[in-house]
Amino acid sequence: MDNLMYSINGTVPVFALIILGYFLRNKGIIGDTFVKEANTYVFRIALPVMIFIDMWKADIYREFDISFVVFCFLVTLISFAIIWIGAELFIKDKTMIGAFVQGSFRSSAAILGLAFVSNMYDGDLGMAPLMIIGCVPLYNICSVIVLTFRGKHSDYSKGKAGIKKALINIVTNPIIVGIFFGCIASLIKLKLPLMITKSLDLVAQSTVPIALIAIGGGFTFASSKTKKRTAVWGTVIKLILMPTVVLPIAVLFGYSNQEMLAIIIMIAGPATATGYAMAREMDNDYVLSSYMIVLTTMFSAFTLTAWIFIMKCLGALY
């Protein structure tokens, strides 16, 4: 029951802000202009700042476990590759692939994940920061790649010149820039004046609330059955199929307790809310993205609890 309440406490606030955005849109308090500008702000300013701070504050040198980081990195990379290949084979509408892949492999590890681990272990984040080092930069890099090459007006099929342009867009993407400078700041142990640090923290803290309100403001129930069906399949992959494959492997590798909980969050957590802003700004199917965020968040309260219960029964959590 405690695990269920922890999950619900992590997911209910997310739904509350999405519902608030939907309510404000229906009442005419916000409109298309707000939703568009809010997503632009999240994608170009708030999210890069949040990623920069996450990377900067990650203590890479303290209790660094290279094998655990590599495990998280490889799981993320392989999951991304398999889901993208599968999407190319089975999704007929290729404009949905970018949003589908991002929603299916990428968890809200740095936001809901850390909160969940903190609740479980009374503020001790344990191995979660190392999991973030291993997967979050790759989450963003892979998302930028698939959204770039599978955008509605992508240059993917326009020869070498088109691919070169796409690669330039990837390198100059605000998310990638945030990761790059965050890693440098962490490695050199950058010190900034308190007033600057607090200002950056305030910008970073605005990321999730604004992203969630924008999701609600742009959410529609009038999408096609194909989008809804695709979102359901993505949710099944994210919350059930991936954990079914990865968690037994983690047990075989001997991971347990906080390491195992970090892996559960990484592989079975809900799709990140910031994925909507990325999908919309990078000309992908943001409607599908919003459906996947809503569905994975709603059902993760129960699936996360189930995975934690199963791992406890196997002795991997204690």
Protein backbone atom coordinates (compact mmCIF):
# COMPACT_ATOMS: atom_id res chain seq x y z
CA MET A 1 0.00 0.00 0.00
CA ASP A 2 2.87 2.39 0.81
CA ASN A 3 4.41 1.83 -2.63
CA LEU A 4 1.05 2.50 -4.28
CA MET A 5 0.70 5.75 -2.35
CA TYR A 6 4.24 6.81 -3.32
CA SER A 7 3.38 6.19 -6.96
CA ILE A 8 0.07 8.00 -6.74
CA ASN A 9 1.70 10.95 -4.95
CA GLY A 10 4.10 11.20 -7.87
CA THR A 11 1.50 10.94 -10.61
CA VAL A 12 -1.53 12.85 -9.27
CA PRO A 13 0.21 16.27 -9.33
CA VAL A 14 1.17 15.62 -12.95
CA PHE A 15 -2.44 14.90 -13.89
CA ALA A 16 -3.63 17.90 -11.92
CA LEU A 17 -1.55 20.30 -14.00
CA ILE A 18 -2.54 18.62 -17.28
CA ILE A 19 -6.21 18.89 -16.28
CA LEU A 20 -5.64 22.53 -15.28
CA GLY A 21 -4.24 23.28 -18.73
CA TYR A 22 -7.21 21.55 -20.38
CA PHE A 23 -9.64 23.49 -18.15
CA LEU A 24 -7.95 26.84 -18.86
CA ARG A 25 -8.08 26.14 -22.60
CA ASN A 26 -11.80 25.25 -22.51
CA LYS A 27 -12.56 28.40 -20.50
CA GLY A 28 -10.70 30.55 -23.01
CA ILE A 29 -8.11 31.69 -20.45
CA ILE A 30 -5.30 30.29 -22.61
CA GLY A 31 -5.29 29.56 -26.32
CA ASP A 32 -3.12 28.34 -29.19
CA THR A 33 -0.74 31.29 -28.85
CA PHE A 34 -0.02 30.52 -25.20
CA VAL A 35 0.44 26.80 -25.88
CA LYS A 36 2.83 27.47 -28.76
CA GLU A 37 4.86 30.08 -26.89
CA ALA A 38 4.95 27.99 -23.71
CA ASN A 39 6.35 25.03 -25.63
CA THR A 40 8.93 27.24 -27.30
CA TYR A 41 10.00 28.58 -23.90
CA VAL A 42 10.26 25.06 -22.42
CA PHE A 43 12.18 23.68 -25.39
CA ARG A 44 14.59 26.57 -25.97
CA ILE A 45 15.12 27.96 -22.47
CA ALA A 46 13.74 26.09 -19.46
CA LEU A 47 14.51 22.49 -20.46
CA PRO A 48 18.13 23.17 -21.54
CA VAL A 49 18.67 25.06 -18.26
CA MET A 50 17.16 22.18 -16.26
CA ILE A 51 19.38 19.65 -18.04
CA PHE A 52 22.42 21.87 -17.55
CA ILE A 53 21.74 22.06 -13.81
CA ASP A 54 21.08 18.30 -13.52
CA MET A 55 24.38 17.50 -15.23
CA TRP A 56 26.27 20.23 -13.37
CA LYS A 57 25.08 19.09 -9.94
CA ALA A 58 25.70 15.39 -10.66
CA ASP A 59 28.81 14.45 -8.70
CA ILE A 60 30.51 12.26 -11.28
CA TYR A 61 33.53 11.64 -9.06
CA ARG A 62 31.69 10.62 -5.88
CA GLU A 63 30.99 6.89 -5.61
CA PHE A 64 31.25 6.58 -9.38
CA ASP A 65 30.34 3.04 -10.47
CA ILE A 66 31.39 2.75 -14.10
CA SER A 67 29.76 -0.67 -14.60
CA PHE A 68 26.36 0.61 -13.40
CA VAL A 69 26.58 3.72 -15.59
CA VAL A 70 27.54 1.60 -18.61
CA PHE A 71 24.66 -0.80 -17.90
CA CYS A 72 22.15 2.09 -17.85
CA PHE A 73 23.72 3.56 -20.99
CA LEU A 74 23.60 0.30 -22.95
CA VAL A 75 20.03 -0.53 -21.86
CA THR A 76 18.89 2.90 -23.01
CA LEU A 77 20.74 2.71 -26.33
CA ILE A 78 19.59 -0.83 -27.18
CA SER A 79 15.98 -0.09 -26.18
CA PHE A 80 15.98 2.99 -28.37
CA ALA A 81 17.39 1.12 -31.37
CA ILE A 82 14.98 -1.84 -31.10
CA ILE A 83 11.91 0.38 -30.66
CA TRP A 84 12.89 2.60 -33.60
CA ILE A 85 13.46 -0.41 -35.86
CA GLY A 86 10.14 -1.91 -34.77
CA ALA A 87 8.34 1.38 -35.37
CA GLU A 88 9.75 1.63 -38.87
CA LEU A 89 8.49 -1.89 -39.61
CA PHE A 90 4.99 -1.70 -38.12
CA ILE A 91 3.83 1.94 -38.12
CA LYS A 92 2.40 2.89 -41.50
CA ASP A 93 2.12 6.62 -40.83
CA LYS A 94 5.80 7.55 -40.64
CA THR A 95 5.03 11.00 -39.17
CA MET A 96 4.09 9.26 -35.90
CA ILE A 97 7.39 7.41 -35.51
CA GLY A 98 9.37 10.17 -33.78
CA ALA A 99 6.78 10.78 -31.04
CA PHE A 100 6.11 7.04 -30.65
CA VAL A 101 9.78 6.12 -30.21
CA GLN A 102 10.44 8.96 -27.79
CA GLY A 103 7.41 8.11 -25.64
CA SER A 104 8.16 4.38 -25.66
CA PHE A 105 11.80 4.40 -24.55
CA ARG A 106 12.27 7.63 -22.57
CA SER A 107 11.24 7.86 -18.91
CA SER A 108 10.79 10.83 -16.63
CA ALA A 109 13.88 9.69 -14.76
CA ALA A 110 15.26 13.06 -13.70
CA ILE A 111 11.92 14.48 -12.48
CA LEU A 112 9.41 11.89 -11.25
CA GLY A 113 12.16 9.30 -10.88
CA LEU A 114 14.24 11.19 -8.33
CA ALA A 115 11.13 12.14 -6.36
CA PHE A 116 10.06 8.49 -6.24
CA VAL A 117 13.48 7.26 -5.08
CA SER A 118 13.66 10.04 -2.49
CA ASN A 119 10.27 9.00 -1.09
CA MET A 120 11.25 5.35 -0.95
CA TYR A 121 14.53 5.99 0.89
CA ASP A 122 13.74 9.05 3.04
CA GLY A 123 15.66 11.56 0.94
CA ASP A 124 18.62 9.30 0.10
CA LEU A 125 18.91 9.25 -3.70
CA GLY A 126 21.32 6.31 -3.65
CA MET A 127 22.27 5.17 -7.16
CA ALA A 128 19.66 7.30 -8.92
CA PRO A 129 22.09 10.12 -9.83
CA LEU A 130 24.40 7.58 -11.49
CA MET A 131 21.43 6.17 -13.40
CA ILE A 132 20.70 9.72 -14.59
CA ILE A 133 24.30 10.15 -15.75
CA GLY A 134 24.02 6.88 -17.64
CA CYS A 135 20.69 7.44 -19.37
CA VAL A 136 19.38 11.04 -19.30
CA PRO A 137 21.96 12.57 -21.69
CA LEU A 138 21.37 9.64 -24.04
CA TYR A 139 17.58 10.04 -23.65
CA ASN A 140 17.83 13.56 -24.97
CA ILE A 141 20.38 12.83 -27.68
CA CYS A 142 18.36 9.89 -29.03
CA SER A 143 15.13 11.89 -28.85
CA VAL A 144 16.67 14.75 -30.81
CA ILE A 145 17.95 12.30 -33.42
CA VAL A 146 14.67 10.44 -33.99
CA LEU A 147 12.59 13.65 -33.89
CA THR A 148 14.96 15.29 -36.36
CA PHE A 149 15.00 12.44 -38.85
CA ARG A 150 11.31 11.62 -38.49
CA GLY A 151 9.81 15.12 -38.36
CA LYS A 152 6.96 15.90 -40.73
CA HIS A 153 9.26 18.01 -42.93
CA SER A 154 12.45 16.11 -42.26
CA ASP A 155 15.43 16.29 -44.63
CA TYR A 156 16.04 12.60 -43.95
CA SER A 157 15.40 11.48 -47.54
CA LYS A 158 17.04 14.40 -49.37
CA GLY A 159 20.49 12.94 -49.83
CA LYS A 160 23.80 13.94 -48.24
CA ALA A 161 22.93 17.63 -48.08
CA GLY A 162 19.73 16.89 -46.18
CA ILE A 163 21.46 14.53 -43.75
CA LYS A 164 24.23 17.10 -43.19
CA LYS A 165 21.63 19.75 -42.39
CA ALA A 166 19.86 17.36 -40.01
CA LEU A 167 23.13 16.58 -38.23
CA ILE A 168 23.87 20.29 -37.84
CA ASN A 169 20.41 20.75 -36.34
CA ILE A 170 21.15 17.94 -33.89
CA VAL A 171 24.47 19.43 -32.76
CA THR A 172 22.97 22.90 -32.31
CA ASN A 173 19.80 21.65 -30.62
CA PRO A 174 19.21 23.46 -27.27
CA ILE A 175 18.95 20.13 -25.43
CA ILE A 176 22.32 18.94 -26.73
CA VAL A 177 23.87 22.32 -25.90
CA GLY A 178 22.54 22.04 -22.33
CA ILE A 179 24.01 18.53 -21.94
CA PHE A 180 27.40 19.63 -23.32
CA PHE A 181 27.85 22.64 -21.07
CA GLY A 182 26.40 20.77 -18.08
CA CYS A 183 28.98 18.01 -18.44
CA ILE A 184 31.79 20.55 -18.71
CA ALA A 185 30.50 22.40 -15.64
CA SER A 186 30.40 19.14 -13.67
CA LEU A 187 33.88 18.04 -14.73
CA ILE A 188 35.54 21.36 -13.89
CA LYS A 189 33.42 21.75 -10.72
CA LEU A 190 32.16 25.13 -11.86
CA LYS A 191 31.31 27.61 -9.12
CA LEU A 192 28.74 30.33 -9.78
CA PRO A 193 27.53 33.22 -7.60
CA LEU A 194 24.53 32.35 -5.47
CA MET A 195 22.30 34.89 -7.23
CA ILE A 196 22.98 33.23 -10.60
CA THR A 197 22.47 29.73 -9.20
CA LYS A 198 19.13 30.66 -7.66
CA SER A 199 18.02 32.33 -10.89
CA LEU A 200 18.91 29.23 -12.91
CA ASP A 201 17.08 27.04 -10.38
CA LEU A 202 13.93 29.15 -10.73
CA VAL A 203 14.04 28.82 -14.52
CA ALA A 204 14.59 25.05 -14.23
CA GLN A 205 11.72 24.69 -11.77
CA SER A 206 9.36 26.31 -14.28
CA THR A 207 10.01 23.56 -16.85
CA VAL A 208 7.63 20.85 -15.69
CA PRO A 209 4.64 23.00 -14.61
CA ILE A 210 4.62 25.00 -17.83
CA ALA A 211 5.18 21.87 -19.94
CA LEU A 212 2.27 20.08 -18.23
CA ILE A 213 -0.11 23.04 -18.56
CA ALA A 214 0.83 23.29 -22.24
CA ILE A 215 0.10 19.57 -22.67
CA GLY A 216 -3.36 20.05 -21.19
CA GLY A 217 -3.94 23.19 -23.25
CA GLY A 218 -3.06 21.39 -26.45
CA PHE A 219 -4.72 18.08 -25.60
CA THR A 220 -7.60 16.91 -27.75
CA PHE A 221 -9.88 13.89 -27.60
CA ALA A 222 -10.65 14.22 -31.29
CA SER A 223 -7.53 12.47 -32.60
CA SER A 224 -7.79 9.45 -34.88
CA LYS A 225 -8.27 5.90 -33.65
CA THR A 226 -4.87 5.10 -35.14
CA LYS A 227 -3.16 7.62 -32.85
CA LYS A 228 -5.00 6.29 -29.81
CA ARG A 229 -4.18 2.68 -30.70
CA THR A 230 -0.54 3.59 -31.30
CA ALA A 231 -0.39 5.39 -27.94
CA VAL A 232 -1.76 2.28 -26.21
CA TRP A 233 0.92 0.11 -27.84
CA GLY A 234 3.59 2.59 -26.79
CA THR A 235 2.28 2.50 -23.23
CA VAL A 236 2.38 -1.30 -23.17
CA ILE A 237 5.95 -1.27 -24.45
CA LYS A 238 7.02 1.38 -21.95
CA LEU A 239 5.41 0.04 -18.80
CA ILE A 240 5.24 -3.72 -19.37
CA LEU A 241 7.34 -5.15 -22.22
CA MET A 242 10.59 -3.27 -21.56
CA PRO A 243 10.64 -4.02 -17.82
CA THR A 244 9.78 -7.67 -18.53
CA VAL A 245 12.93 -7.97 -20.62
CA VAL A 246 15.36 -5.68 -18.76
CA LEU A 247 14.63 -6.33 -15.07
CA PRO A 248 15.48 -10.08 -15.15
CA ILE A 249 18.77 -9.13 -16.84
CA ALA A 250 19.45 -6.63 -14.06
CA VAL A 251 18.79 -9.36 -11.48
CA LEU A 252 21.24 -11.67 -13.27
CA PHE A 253 23.87 -8.90 -13.15
CA GLY A 254 23.40 -8.81 -9.38
CA TYR A 255 21.85 -5.37 -9.05
CA SER A 256 19.68 -4.92 -5.98
CA ASN A 257 18.10 -2.43 -3.60
CA GLN A 258 18.78 1.20 -4.64
CA GLU A 259 20.49 0.11 -7.85
CA MET A 260 17.46 -1.98 -8.78
CA LEU A 261 15.02 0.79 -7.88
CA ALA A 262 16.96 3.22 -10.07
CA ILE A 263 16.77 0.73 -12.95
CA ILE A 264 13.02 0.28 -12.43
CA ILE A 265 12.52 4.04 -12.65
CA MET A 266 14.72 4.22 -15.74
CA ILE A 267 13.05 1.42 -17.66
CA ALA A 268 9.45 1.40 -16.35
CA GLY A 269 8.75 5.03 -15.47
CA PRO A 270 6.18 7.16 -17.34
CA ALA A 271 7.07 9.14 -20.44
CA THR A 272 8.55 12.53 -19.65
CA ALA A 273 6.31 15.60 -19.93
CA THR A 274 9.06 17.58 -21.67
CA GLY A 275 8.80 15.15 -24.59
CA TYR A 276 5.64 16.97 -25.67
CA ALA A 277 7.48 20.28 -26.00
CA MET A 278 10.26 18.60 -27.96
CA ALA A 279 7.81 16.84 -30.30
CA ARG A 280 5.86 20.02 -30.95
CA GLU A 281 8.88 22.26 -31.50
CA MET A 282 10.61 19.72 -33.74
CA ASP A 283 7.60 19.29 -36.04
CA ASN A 284 6.55 15.84 -34.86
CA ASP A 285 3.21 14.33 -33.80
CA TYR A 286 2.70 16.17 -30.52
CA VAL A 287 -0.90 14.90 -30.24
CA LEU A 288 0.38 11.33 -30.08
CA SER A 289 3.06 12.48 -27.65
CA SER A 290 0.45 13.98 -25.31
CA TYR A 291 -1.62 10.78 -25.37
CA MET A 292 1.42 8.69 -24.45
CA ILE A 293 2.38 11.02 -21.60
CA VAL A 294 -1.15 10.90 -20.18
CA LEU A 295 -1.50 7.11 -20.51
CA THR A 296 1.94 6.18 -19.19
CA THR A 297 1.60 8.58 -16.26
CA MET A 298 -1.88 7.29 -15.37
CA PHE A 299 -1.01 3.60 -15.44
CA SER A 300 2.54 3.86 -14.05
CA ALA A 301 1.15 4.36 -10.53
CA PHE A 302 0.01 0.74 -10.70
CA THR A 303 2.69 -0.84 -12.91
CA LEU A 304 5.58 0.70 -10.94
CA THR A 305 4.06 -0.64 -7.75
CA ALA A 306 3.68 -4.06 -9.36
CA TRP A 307 7.32 -4.14 -10.50
CA ILE A 308 8.53 -3.07 -7.07
CA PHE A 309 6.42 -5.80 -5.46
CA ILE A 310 7.80 -8.42 -7.89
CA MET A 311 11.40 -7.34 -7.27
CA LYS A 312 10.80 -7.49 -3.51
CA CYS A 313 9.45 -11.01 -3.87
CA LEU A 314 12.61 -11.94 -5.78
CA GLY A 315 14.80 -10.41 -3.08
CA ALA A 316 16.15 -7.69 -5.35
CA LEU A 317 14.62 -4.96 -3.16
CA TYR A 318 14.72 -4.89 0.63
